[in-house]
C-alpha atoms as a PDB file:
ATOM      1  CA  MET A   1      48.385  26.464  -4.071  1.00  0.00           C
ATOM      2  CA  LEU A   2      46.169  23.728  -2.672  1.00  0.00           C
ATOM      3  CA  LEU A   3      45.714  20.431  -4.467  1.00  0.00           C
ATOM      4  CA  ALA A   4      42.342  18.869  -3.556  1.00  0.00           C
ATOM      5  CA  ILE A   5      41.921  15.221  -4.550  1.00  0.00           C
ATOM      6  CA  ASP A   6      38.793  13.074  -4.430  1.00  0.00           C
ATOM      7  CA  ILE A   7      39.664   9.416  -5.060  1.00  0.00           C
ATOM      8  CA  GLY A   8      36.631   7.479  -6.276  1.00  0.00           C
ATOM      9  CA  ASN A   9      36.289   3.877  -7.396  1.00  0.00           C
ATOM     10  CA  THR A  10      36.252   4.832 -11.082  1.00  0.00           C
ATOM     11  CA  THR A  11      37.639   8.369 -11.315  1.00  0.00           C
ATOM     12  CA  ILE A  12      40.033  10.585  -9.381  1.00  0.00           C
ATOM     13  CA  ASN A  13      38.897  14.219  -9.428  1.00  0.00           C
ATOM     14  CA  ILE A  14      41.649  16.777  -8.907  1.00  0.00           C
ATOM     15  CA  GLY A  15      41.158  20.475  -8.207  1.00  0.00           C
ATOM     16  CA  LEU A  16      43.859  23.130  -7.953  1.00  0.00           C
ATOM     17  CA  PHE A  17      42.948  26.103  -5.771  1.00  0.00           C
ATOM     18  CA  LYS A  18      44.616  29.448  -5.279  1.00  0.00           C
ATOM     19  CA  LYS A  19      43.045  30.659  -2.030  1.00  0.00           C
ATOM     20  CA  ASP A  20      39.295  30.248  -2.655  1.00  0.00           C
ATOM     21  CA  ARG A  21      39.502  30.190  -6.451  1.00  0.00           C
ATOM     22  CA  LEU A  22      39.329  26.910  -8.366  1.00  0.00           C
ATOM     23  CA  LEU A  23      41.937  27.345 -11.100  1.00  0.00           C
ATOM     24  CA  LEU A  24      41.621  24.027 -12.888  1.00  0.00           C
ATOM     25  CA  ILE A  25      40.089  20.567 -12.713  1.00  0.00           C
ATOM     26  CA  ARG A  26      41.610  17.311 -13.903  1.00  0.00           C
ATOM     27  CA  LYS A  27      40.146  13.811 -14.008  1.00  0.00           C
ATOM     28  CA  ILE A  28      42.132  10.602 -14.257  1.00  0.00           C
ATOM     29  CA  ASN A  29      41.089   6.960 -14.171  1.00  0.00           C
ATOM     30  CA  THR A  30      41.469   5.148 -10.871  1.00  0.00           C
ATOM     31  CA  ARG A  31      43.909   2.248 -11.129  1.00  0.00           C
ATOM     32  CA  LYS A  32      43.569   0.027  -8.091  1.00  0.00           C
ATOM     33  CA  SER A  33      46.786  -1.845  -8.843  1.00  0.00           C
ATOM     34  CA  LYS A  34      49.948  -0.630  -7.127  1.00  0.00           C
ATOM     35  CA  ASP A  35      51.081   1.219 -10.235  1.00  0.00           C
ATOM     36  CA  LEU A  36      53.327   3.933  -8.835  1.00  0.00           C
ATOM     37  CA  ARG A  37      54.590   4.980 -12.272  1.00  0.00           C
ATOM     38  CA  TYR A  38      51.051   5.629 -13.520  1.00  0.00           C
ATOM     39  CA  TYR A  39      50.349   8.062 -10.682  1.00  0.00           C
ATOM     40  CA  HIS A  40      53.765   9.712 -10.907  1.00  0.00           C
ATOM     41  CA  SER A  41      53.070  10.342 -14.601  1.00  0.00           C
ATOM     42  CA  ALA A  42      49.484  11.509 -14.021  1.00  0.00           C
ATOM     43  CA  PHE A  43      50.442  14.105 -11.396  1.00  0.00           C
ATOM     44  CA  ALA A  44      53.807  15.156 -12.876  1.00  0.00           C
ATOM     45  CA  PRO A  45      52.441  18.048 -15.046  1.00  0.00           C
ATOM     46  CA  LEU A  46      50.752  19.650 -12.036  1.00  0.00           C
ATOM     47  CA  MET A  47      53.720  19.175  -9.728  1.00  0.00           C
ATOM     48  CA  GLN A  48      56.183  20.533 -12.282  1.00  0.00           C
ATOM     49  CA  LYS A  49      54.222  23.650 -13.286  1.00  0.00           C
ATOM     50  CA  MET A  50      52.462  24.656 -10.064  1.00  0.00           C
ATOM     51  CA  ALA A  51      53.874  25.688  -6.685  1.00  0.00           C
ATOM     52  CA  ILE A  52      51.773  23.294  -4.602  1.00  0.00           C
ATOM     53  CA  SER A  53      52.015  24.065  -0.892  1.00  0.00           C
ATOM     54  CA  ASP A  54      49.490  21.567   0.505  1.00  0.00           C
ATOM     55  CA  VAL A  55      47.429  18.529  -0.485  1.00  0.00           C
ATOM     56  CA  ILE A  56      44.116  17.327   0.940  1.00  0.00           C
ATOM     57  CA  ILE A  57      42.635  13.951   0.007  1.00  0.00           C
ATOM     58  CA  SER A  58      39.237  12.301   0.323  1.00  0.00           C
ATOM     59  CA  SER A  59      39.308   8.647  -0.693  1.00  0.00           C
ATOM     60  CA  VAL A  60      37.264   5.461  -0.853  1.00  0.00           C
ATOM     61  CA  VAL A  61      40.190   3.454  -2.268  1.00  0.00           C
ATOM     62  CA  PRO A  62      42.834   2.947   0.467  1.00  0.00           C
ATOM     63  CA  GLU A  63      45.460   1.336  -1.773  1.00  0.00           C
ATOM     64  CA  VAL A  64      45.460   4.369  -4.086  1.00  0.00           C
ATOM     65  CA  THR A  65      45.625   6.714  -1.098  1.00  0.00           C
ATOM     66  CA  ASN A  66      48.809   4.992   0.045  1.00  0.00           C
ATOM     67  CA  ILE A  67      50.353   5.299  -3.412  1.00  0.00           C
ATOM     68  CA  LEU A  68      49.607   9.035  -3.577  1.00  0.00           C
ATOM     69  CA  LYS A  69      51.141   9.515  -0.129  1.00  0.00           C
ATOM     70  CA  ARG A  70      54.385   8.143  -1.600  1.00  0.00           C
ATOM     71  CA  VAL A  71      54.093  10.289  -4.733  1.00  0.00           C
ATOM     72  CA  PHE A  72      53.764  13.567  -2.830  1.00  0.00           C
ATOM     73  CA  LYS A  73      56.447  12.593  -0.318  1.00  0.00           C
ATOM     74  CA  GLU A  74      58.945  11.716  -3.058  1.00  0.00           C
ATOM     75  CA  LYS A  75      58.180  14.586  -5.442  1.00  0.00           C
ATOM     76  CA  LEU A  76      57.139  17.471  -3.172  1.00  0.00           C
ATOM     77  CA  ASN A  77      58.262  16.338   0.289  1.00  0.00           C
ATOM     78  CA  LEU A  78      54.667  16.944   1.432  1.00  0.00           C
ATOM     79  CA  LYS A  79      52.534  14.938   3.834  1.00  0.00           C
ATOM     80  CA  PRO A  80      48.956  15.130   2.523  1.00  0.00           C
ATOM     81  CA  ARG A  81      46.027  15.801   4.821  1.00  0.00           C
ATOM     82  CA  ILE A  82      43.947  12.643   4.464  1.00  0.00           C
ATOM     83  CA  LEU A  83      40.383  12.720   5.732  1.00  0.00           C
ATOM     84  CA  GLY A  84      39.675   9.854   8.094  1.00  0.00           C
ATOM     85  CA  GLN A  85      43.401   9.346   8.798  1.00  0.00           C
ATOM     86  CA  ASN A  86      45.235  12.445  10.008  1.00  0.00           C
ATOM     87  CA  CYS A  87      42.279  14.867   9.903  1.00  0.00           C
ATOM     88  CA  ARG A  88      38.492  14.691   9.870  1.00  0.00           C
ATOM     89  CA  VAL A  89      35.475  16.359   8.293  1.00  0.00           C
ATOM     90  CA  PRO A  90      34.125  18.869  10.863  1.00  0.00           C
ATOM     91  CA  ILE A  91      30.561  17.562  10.893  1.00  0.00           C
ATOM     92  CA  THR A  92      28.435  15.634  13.398  1.00  0.00           C
ATOM     93  CA  ASN A  93      28.057  12.128  11.981  1.00  0.00           C
ATOM     94  CA  LEU A  94      24.866  10.369  13.150  1.00  0.00           C
ATOM     95  CA  TYR A  95      25.532   7.099  11.308  1.00  0.00           C
ATOM     96  CA  LYS A  96      25.146   4.025  13.540  1.00  0.00           C
ATOM     97  CA  ASN A  97      28.753   3.103  12.720  1.00  0.00           C
ATOM     98  CA  PRO A  98      30.381   6.415  11.717  1.00  0.00           C
ATOM     99  CA  LYS A  99      33.378   4.669  10.129  1.00  0.00           C
ATOM    100  CA  GLN A 100      31.132   3.117   7.469  1.00  0.00           C
ATOM    101  CA  VAL A 101      30.385   6.461   5.815  1.00  0.00           C
ATOM    102  CA  GLY A 102      32.575   7.311   2.818  1.00  0.00           C
ATOM    103  CA  GLN A 103      34.606  10.461   3.392  1.00  0.00           C
ATOM    104  CA  ASP A 104      33.341  11.926   0.111  1.00  0.00           C
ATOM    105  CA  ARG A 105      29.772  11.772   1.439  1.00  0.00           C
ATOM    106  CA  LEU A 106      30.757  13.656   4.596  1.00  0.00           C
ATOM    107  CA  VAL A 107      32.650  16.209   2.501  1.00  0.00           C
ATOM    108  CA  ASN A 108      29.545  16.778   0.356  1.00  0.00           C
ATOM    109  CA  ALA A 109      27.376  17.151   3.459  1.00  0.00           C
ATOM    110  CA  TYR A 110      29.755  19.707   4.950  1.00  0.00           C
ATOM    111  CA  ALA A 111      30.109  21.615   1.667  1.00  0.00           C
ATOM    112  CA  GLY A 112      26.353  21.668   1.099  1.00  0.00           C
ATOM    113  CA  TYR A 113      25.661  22.953   4.601  1.00  0.00           C
ATOM    114  CA  LYS A 114      28.325  25.668   4.338  1.00  0.00           C
ATOM    115  CA  LYS A 115      26.911  26.893   1.031  1.00  0.00           C
ATOM    116  CA  PHE A 116      23.143  26.434   1.420  1.00  0.00           C
ATOM    117  CA  GLY A 117      22.452  25.878   5.119  1.00  0.00           C
ATOM    118  CA  GLY A 118      20.723  22.854   6.646  1.00  0.00           C
ATOM    119  CA  GLY A 119      17.846  20.703   5.478  1.00  0.00           C
ATOM    120  CA  LEU A 120      19.476  19.106   2.425  1.00  0.00           C
ATOM    121  CA  ILE A 121      19.303  16.027   0.225  1.00  0.00           C
ATOM    122  CA  ILE A 122      22.578  15.723  -1.681  1.00  0.00           C
ATOM    123  CA  ILE A 123      22.518  13.318  -4.632  1.00  0.00           C
ATOM    124  CA  ASP A 124      25.936  12.330  -5.983  1.00  0.00           C
ATOM    125  CA  PHE A 125      26.059  10.574  -9.373  1.00  0.00           C
ATOM    126  CA  GLY A 126      29.277   8.557  -9.387  1.00  0.00           C
ATOM    127  CA  THR A 127      30.096   4.846  -9.449  1.00  0.00           C
ATOM    128  CA  ALA A 128      27.165   4.642  -7.055  1.00  0.00           C
ATOM    129  CA  VAL A 129      24.275   7.072  -6.738  1.00  0.00           C
ATOM    130  CA  THR A 130      24.229   8.258  -3.148  1.00  0.00           C
ATOM    131  CA  PHE A 131      21.541  10.257  -1.367  1.00  0.00           C
ATOM    132  CA  ASP A 132      22.852  12.031   1.736  1.00  0.00           C
ATOM    133  CA  VAL A 133      20.608  13.831   4.205  1.00  0.00           C
ATOM    134  CA  VAL A 134      21.823  16.841   6.189  1.00  0.00           C
ATOM    135  CA  SER A 135      19.698  18.002   9.112  1.00  0.00           C
ATOM    136  CA  ARG A 136      18.533  21.552   9.710  1.00  0.00           C
ATOM    137  CA  LYS A 137      21.354  21.932  12.234  1.00  0.00           C
ATOM    138  CA  GLY A 138      24.005  20.637   9.833  1.00  0.00           C
ATOM    139  CA  SER A 139      24.427  17.048  11.081  1.00  0.00           C
ATOM    140  CA  TYR A 140      24.934  14.135   8.719  1.00  0.00           C
ATOM    141  CA  LYS A 141      21.862  11.961   9.302  1.00  0.00           C
ATOM    142  CA  GLY A 142      22.461   9.119   6.831  1.00  0.00           C
ATOM    143  CA  GLY A 143      21.395   8.261   3.328  1.00  0.00           C
ATOM    144  CA  ILE A 144      20.649   5.824   0.534  1.00  0.00           C
ATOM    145  CA  ILE A 145      22.997   4.015  -1.875  1.00  0.00           C
ATOM    146  CA  SER A 146      21.962   2.800  -5.339  1.00  0.00           C
ATOM    147  CA  PRO A 147      24.028   1.391  -8.243  1.00  0.00           C
ATOM    148  CA  GLY A 148      25.471   4.078 -10.503  1.00  0.00           C
ATOM    149  CA  LEU A 149      24.369   4.783 -14.070  1.00  0.00           C
ATOM    150  CA  GLU A 150      27.426   3.376 -15.838  1.00  0.00           C
ATOM    151  CA  PRO A 151      27.699   0.174 -13.738  1.00  0.00           C
ATOM    152  CA  SER A 152      24.011  -0.454 -14.419  1.00  0.00           C
ATOM    153  CA  VAL A 153      24.493  -0.047 -18.173  1.00  0.00           C
ATOM    154  CA  HIS A 154      27.577  -2.277 -18.224  1.00  0.00           C
ATOM    155  CA  THR A 155      25.911  -4.976 -16.144  1.00  0.00           C
ATOM    156  CA  LEU A 156      22.867  -4.964 -18.430  1.00  0.00           C
ATOM    157  CA  SER A 157      25.060  -5.382 -21.521  1.00  0.00           C
ATOM    158  CA  GLU A 158      27.119  -8.151 -19.898  1.00  0.00           C
ATOM    159  CA  MET A 159      24.099 -10.096 -18.686  1.00  0.00           C
ATOM    160  CA  ALA A 160      22.022  -9.749 -21.873  1.00  0.00           C
ATOM    161  CA  THR A 161      23.909 -10.984 -24.943  1.00  0.00           C
ATOM    162  CA  LEU A 162      21.861  -9.053 -27.512  1.00  0.00           C
ATOM    163  CA  LEU A 163      22.045  -5.681 -25.742  1.00  0.00           C
ATOM    164  CA  PRO A 164      24.870  -3.319 -26.788  1.00  0.00           C
ATOM    165  CA  VAL A 165      27.149  -1.233 -24.595  1.00  0.00           C
ATOM    166  CA  ILE A 166      25.821   2.328 -24.768  1.00  0.00           C
ATOM    167  CA  LYS A 167      27.380   5.714 -24.161  1.00  0.00           C
ATOM    168  CA  LEU A 168      25.293   7.833 -21.821  1.00  0.00           C
ATOM    169  CA  LYS A 169      23.645  10.833 -23.480  1.00  0.00           C
ATOM    170  CA  LYS A 170      20.180  12.357 -23.687  1.00  0.00           C
ATOM    171  CA  PRO A 171      17.787  10.017 -25.542  1.00  0.00           C
ATOM    172  CA  ARG A 172      15.863  11.369 -28.527  1.00  0.00           C
ATOM    173  CA  SER A 173      12.512  10.375 -27.032  1.00  0.00           C
ATOM    174  CA  LEU A 174      10.920   8.721 -24.015  1.00  0.00           C
ATOM    175  CA  ILE A 175       9.690   5.722 -26.003  1.00  0.00           C
ATOM    176  CA  GLY A 176      12.607   4.279 -27.917  1.00  0.00           C
ATOM    177  CA  ARG A 177      12.142   2.942 -31.461  1.00  0.00           C
ATOM    178  CA  ASP A 178      15.456   1.099 -31.476  1.00  0.00           C
ATOM    179  CA  THR A 179      17.411  -0.824 -28.838  1.00  0.00           C
ATOM    180  CA  TYR A 180      20.000   1.902 -28.265  1.00  0.00           C
ATOM    181  CA  THR A 181      17.440   4.652 -27.601  1.00  0.00           C
ATOM    182  CA  SER A 182      15.286   2.323 -25.517  1.00  0.00           C
ATOM    183  CA  MET A 183      18.254   1.589 -23.256  1.00  0.00           C
ATOM    184  CA  LEU A 184      19.195   5.261 -22.976  1.00  0.00           C
ATOM    185  CA  SER A 185      15.633   6.173 -22.050  1.00  0.00           C
ATOM    186  CA  GLY A 186      15.422   3.352 -19.543  1.00  0.00           C
ATOM    187  CA  VAL A 187      18.589   4.405 -17.755  1.00  0.00           C
ATOM    188  CA  LEU A 188      18.122   8.179 -17.727  1.00  0.00           C
ATOM    189  CA  ASN A 189      14.349   8.427 -17.345  1.00  0.00           C
ATOM    190  CA  GLY A 190      14.481   5.485 -14.941  1.00  0.00           C
ATOM    191  CA  TYR A 191      17.093   7.108 -12.716  1.00  0.00           C
ATOM    192  CA  GLY A 192      15.269  10.437 -12.944  1.00  0.00           C
ATOM    193  CA  ALA A 193      12.108   8.750 -11.677  1.00  0.00           C
ATOM    194  CA  LEU A 194      14.137   6.973  -8.980  1.00  0.00           C
ATOM    195  CA  CYS A 195      15.523  10.301  -7.777  1.00  0.00           C
ATOM    196  CA  ASN A 196      12.148  12.038  -7.764  1.00  0.00           C
ATOM    197  CA  GLY A 197      10.512   9.158  -5.929  1.00  0.00           C
ATOM    198  CA  LEU A 198      13.187   8.957  -3.238  1.00  0.00           C
ATOM    199  CA  ILE A 199      13.196  12.732  -2.771  1.00  0.00           C
ATOM    200  CA  VAL A 200       9.449  12.591  -2.067  1.00  0.00           C
ATOM    201  CA  LYS A 201       9.923   9.735   0.413  1.00  0.00           C
ATOM    202  CA  ILE A 202      12.817  11.461   2.229  1.00  0.00           C
ATOM    203  CA  ARG A 203      10.888  14.720   2.532  1.00  0.00           C
ATOM    204  CA  LYS A 204       7.916  12.802   3.889  1.00  0.00           C
ATOM    205  CA  GLU A 205      10.070  11.053   6.493  1.00  0.00           C
ATOM    206  CA  MET A 206      11.786  14.321   7.462  1.00  0.00           C
ATOM    207  CA  ARG A 207       8.398  16.109   7.508  1.00  0.00           C
ATOM    208  CA  SER A 208       9.916  19.026   5.658  1.00  0.00           C
ATOM    209  CA  ARG A 209      10.767  20.117   2.115  1.00  0.00           C
ATOM    210  CA  PHE A 210      14.519  19.570   2.252  1.00  0.00           C
ATOM    211  CA  LYS A 211      16.382  21.242  -0.620  1.00  0.00           C
ATOM    212  CA  THR A 212      18.037  19.006  -3.215  1.00  0.00           C
ATOM    213  CA  ILE A 213      21.561  19.334  -4.613  1.00  0.00           C
ATOM    214  CA  LEU A 214      22.819  17.348  -7.595  1.00  0.00           C
ATOM    215  CA  THR A 215      26.547  16.670  -7.876  1.00  0.00           C
ATOM    216  CA  GLY A 216      28.996  14.207  -9.403  1.00  0.00           C
ATOM    217  CA  GLY A 217      30.113  13.281 -12.898  1.00  0.00           C
ATOM    218  CA  HIS A 218      26.635  12.734 -14.379  1.00  0.00           C
ATOM    219  CA  ALA A 219      24.858  15.535 -12.504  1.00  0.00           C
ATOM    220  CA  ARG A 220      24.341  17.778 -15.548  1.00  0.00           C
ATOM    221  CA  LEU A 221      23.069  14.914 -17.696  1.00  0.00           C
ATOM    222  CA  ILE A 222      20.595  13.583 -15.124  1.00  0.00           C
ATOM    223  CA  SER A 223      19.418  17.117 -14.258  1.00  0.00           C
ATOM    224  CA  LYS A 224      17.276  17.007 -17.422  1.00  0.00           C
ATOM    225  CA  PHE A 225      15.326  14.072 -16.006  1.00  0.00           C
ATOM    226  CA  CYS A 226      14.710  14.883 -12.326  1.00  0.00           C
ATOM    227  CA  ASP A 227      13.672  17.721 -10.048  1.00  0.00           C
ATOM    228  CA  PHE A 228      16.296  19.637  -8.049  1.00  0.00           C
ATOM    229  CA  ASP A 229      17.025  22.967  -6.403  1.00  0.00           C
ATOM    230  CA  TYR A 230      20.768  23.338  -7.051  1.00  0.00           C
ATOM    231  CA  ILE A 231      23.370  21.719  -9.264  1.00  0.00           C
ATOM    232  CA  GLU A 232      26.971  21.729  -8.012  1.00  0.00           C
ATOM    233  CA  PRO A 233      29.146  19.337 -10.083  1.00  0.00           C
ATOM    234  CA  ASN A 234      32.289  20.275  -8.119  1.00  0.00           C
ATOM    235  CA  LEU A 235      30.756  20.126  -4.635  1.00  0.00           C
ATOM    236  CA  THR A 236      33.299  17.595  -3.304  1.00  0.00           C
ATOM    237  CA  LEU A 237      36.326  19.600  -4.461  1.00  0.00           C
ATOM    238  CA  GLU A 238      34.828  22.809  -3.062  1.00  0.00           C
ATOM    239  CA  GLY A 239      34.164  20.956   0.187  1.00  0.00           C
ATOM    240  CA  LEU A 240      37.788  19.814   0.399  1.00  0.00           C
ATOM    241  CA  ARG A 241      38.938  23.403  -0.058  1.00  0.00           C
ATOM    242  CA  SER A 242      36.547  24.577   2.643  1.00  0.00           C
ATOM    243  CA  ILE A 243      37.684  21.844   5.073  1.00  0.00           C
ATOM    244  CA  HIS A 244      41.334  22.721   4.421  1.00  0.00           C
ATOM    245  CA  LYS A 245      40.579  26.341   5.265  1.00  0.00           C
ATOM    246  CA  PHE A 246      38.854  25.224   8.486  1.00  0.00           C
ATOM    247  CA  LEU A 247      41.844  23.063   9.452  1.00  0.00           C
ATOM    248  CA  LEU A 248      44.269  25.945   8.898  1.00  0.00           C
ATOM    249  CA  THR A 249      42.116  28.242  11.042  1.00  0.00           C
ATOM    250  CA  LYS A 250      41.908  25.608  13.771  1.00  0.00           C
ATOM    251  CA  THR A 251      45.710  25.151  13.723  1.00  0.00           C
ATOM    252  CA  ALA A 252      46.280  28.911  13.877  1.00  0.00           C
ATOM    253  CA  LYS A 253      43.996  29.220  16.920  1.00  0.00           C
ATOM    254  CA  SER A 254      45.736  26.347  18.734  1.00  0.00           C
ATOM    255  CA  VAL A 255      49.128  28.001  18.162  1.00  0.00           C
ATOM    256  CA  LYS A 256      47.863  31.226  19.749  1.00  0.00           C
END
């Protein structure tokens, strides 16, 4: 059993794989405080019921990564494979400063290329909305970062006293006839238009119709408001599984 973990700023996505099959998915809130008991409790059901043989982690929150290293050492006597620390994503990174790219973005690029080939725009709807461009040959070229849907909504409510906090869902109409619907339409139709506009600009710069992949927590919701070729909500977890398989193959070859 492989435990694949993607640590984001807001949510930790957890996938349990048996060989190439994704058996289950769990999501827990990211707590950036050094709360060891919280993470012991969150992972205890999986560790008690499943025979986990390896763990691979992609993270943008170093303090949480360090806590989980302790959890798996204490409970399973396992040393996780941590991308960017003791292993790397097998992709050519063309960023000016390669260390600035979040590991989750490289994982998505690798997963997208393995599944669909090169020439990709991968749009991940998380705490931030990231656009990542994968060349025809499978290199990570770079991308675009925008504020995420939920941070935008929360900021709007905090900055404007009379605007409520809204829960993201499909608005009843484009033109809202109350504040709640108007805000929903503004966020979802606005981000849909943002995505479509940036896709056009990226394709123009790349001089080719790169395929688009939507992923992340709000991918299915936003898919109703923008154009895309594929929707893969679990792309990062699938990418972690694929990278783990690559690392095992590489180790086996070096032993021979």
